[in-house]
């Protein structure tokens, strides 16, 4: 798997931020206790976490952990495509 470009990271960050802002807005209208993330939001959050860890492990040259994160990212991306 190739590393994400800055543009791809920015697009992902914008999508996650948009989902969070929309849900916060809905929460303020409908009550914060009623909001629960949907499957796409959960997957995007997990994807962001895995990409952050992948970057950390690459910088630390922990390639075995990179491989684990790479596989998790592929799985999450496939799940997102199937939504």
Protein backbone atom coordinates (compact mmCIF):
# COMPACT_ATOMS: atom_id res chain seq x y z
CA UNK A 1 0.00 0.00 0.00
CA UNK A 2 1.30 3.42 -0.89
CA UNK A 3 1.49 6.18 1.66
CA UNK A 4 -1.36 8.65 1.49
CA UNK A 5 -0.65 11.94 -0.20
CA UNK A 6 -1.19 15.18 1.66
CA UNK A 7 -4.24 15.77 -0.53
CA UNK A 8 -5.75 12.40 0.43
CA UNK A 9 -5.08 13.04 4.12
CA UNK A 10 -6.71 16.46 3.82
CA UNK A 11 -9.76 14.95 2.09
CA UNK A 12 -10.11 12.32 4.82
CA UNK A 13 -9.72 14.93 7.55
CA UNK A 14 -12.36 17.14 5.93
CA UNK A 15 -14.79 14.24 5.63
CA UNK A 16 -14.30 13.23 9.26
CA UNK A 17 -14.63 16.85 10.41
CA UNK A 18 -17.81 17.29 8.37
CA UNK A 19 -19.35 14.16 9.91
CA UNK A 20 -18.44 15.31 13.41
CA UNK A 21 -19.78 18.83 12.87
CA UNK A 22 -23.01 17.54 11.35
CA UNK A 23 -23.55 15.14 14.21
CA UNK A 24 -22.72 17.75 16.83
CA UNK A 25 -25.25 20.06 15.20
CA UNK A 26 -27.86 17.29 15.16
CA UNK A 27 -26.99 16.50 18.77
CA UNK A 28 -27.58 20.08 19.83
CA UNK A 29 -30.97 20.02 18.16
CA UNK A 30 -32.05 16.52 19.19
CA UNK A 31 -30.18 16.13 22.45
CA UNK A 32 -26.60 14.96 22.77
CA UNK A 33 -27.55 11.74 24.52
CA UNK A 34 -29.45 10.51 21.46
CA UNK A 35 -26.53 10.67 19.00
CA UNK A 36 -24.63 7.53 18.19
CA UNK A 37 -22.12 7.21 15.38
CA UNK A 38 -23.17 5.13 12.39
CA UNK A 39 -21.06 2.45 10.78
CA UNK A 40 -19.41 4.83 8.30
CA UNK A 41 -18.39 7.22 11.05
CA UNK A 42 -16.96 4.39 13.13
CA UNK A 43 -14.99 3.10 10.14
CA UNK A 44 -13.67 6.58 9.26
CA UNK A 45 -12.55 7.14 12.84
CA UNK A 46 -10.81 3.75 12.89
CA UNK A 47 -9.23 4.48 9.50
CA UNK A 48 -7.86 7.81 10.75
CA UNK A 49 -6.45 6.08 13.84
CA UNK A 50 -4.77 3.36 11.77
CA UNK A 51 -3.27 5.86 9.34
CA UNK A 52 -1.88 7.89 12.23
CA UNK A 53 -0.34 4.77 13.74
CA UNK A 54 1.05 3.71 10.36
CA UNK A 55 2.79 7.06 10.03
CA UNK A 56 4.16 6.79 13.57
CA UNK A 57 5.47 3.26 12.97
CA UNK A 58 7.02 4.22 9.63
CA UNK A 59 8.92 7.06 11.26
CA UNK A 60 10.08 4.70 14.02
CA UNK A 61 11.02 2.08 11.40
CA UNK A 62 8.77 -0.52 13.07
CA UNK A 63 7.95 -2.29 9.84
CA UNK A 64 6.16 -5.31 11.34
CA UNK A 65 3.67 -2.97 12.99
CA UNK A 66 3.40 -1.07 9.69
CA UNK A 67 2.35 -4.26 7.97
CA UNK A 68 -0.37 -4.87 10.56
CA UNK A 69 -1.68 -1.31 10.15
CA UNK A 70 -1.52 -1.62 6.36
CA UNK A 71 -3.70 -4.73 6.49
CA UNK A 72 -6.17 -3.08 8.86
CA UNK A 73 -6.37 -0.04 6.57
CA UNK A 74 -7.08 -2.25 3.55
CA UNK A 75 -9.85 -4.04 5.46
CA UNK A 76 -11.44 -0.78 6.59
CA UNK A 77 -11.22 0.74 3.10
CA UNK A 78 -12.94 -2.32 1.67
CA UNK A 79 -15.71 -2.08 4.27
CA UNK A 80 -16.19 1.60 3.41
CA UNK A 81 -16.46 0.77 -0.30
CA UNK A 82 -19.14 -1.81 0.48
CA UNK A 83 -21.34 0.62 2.41
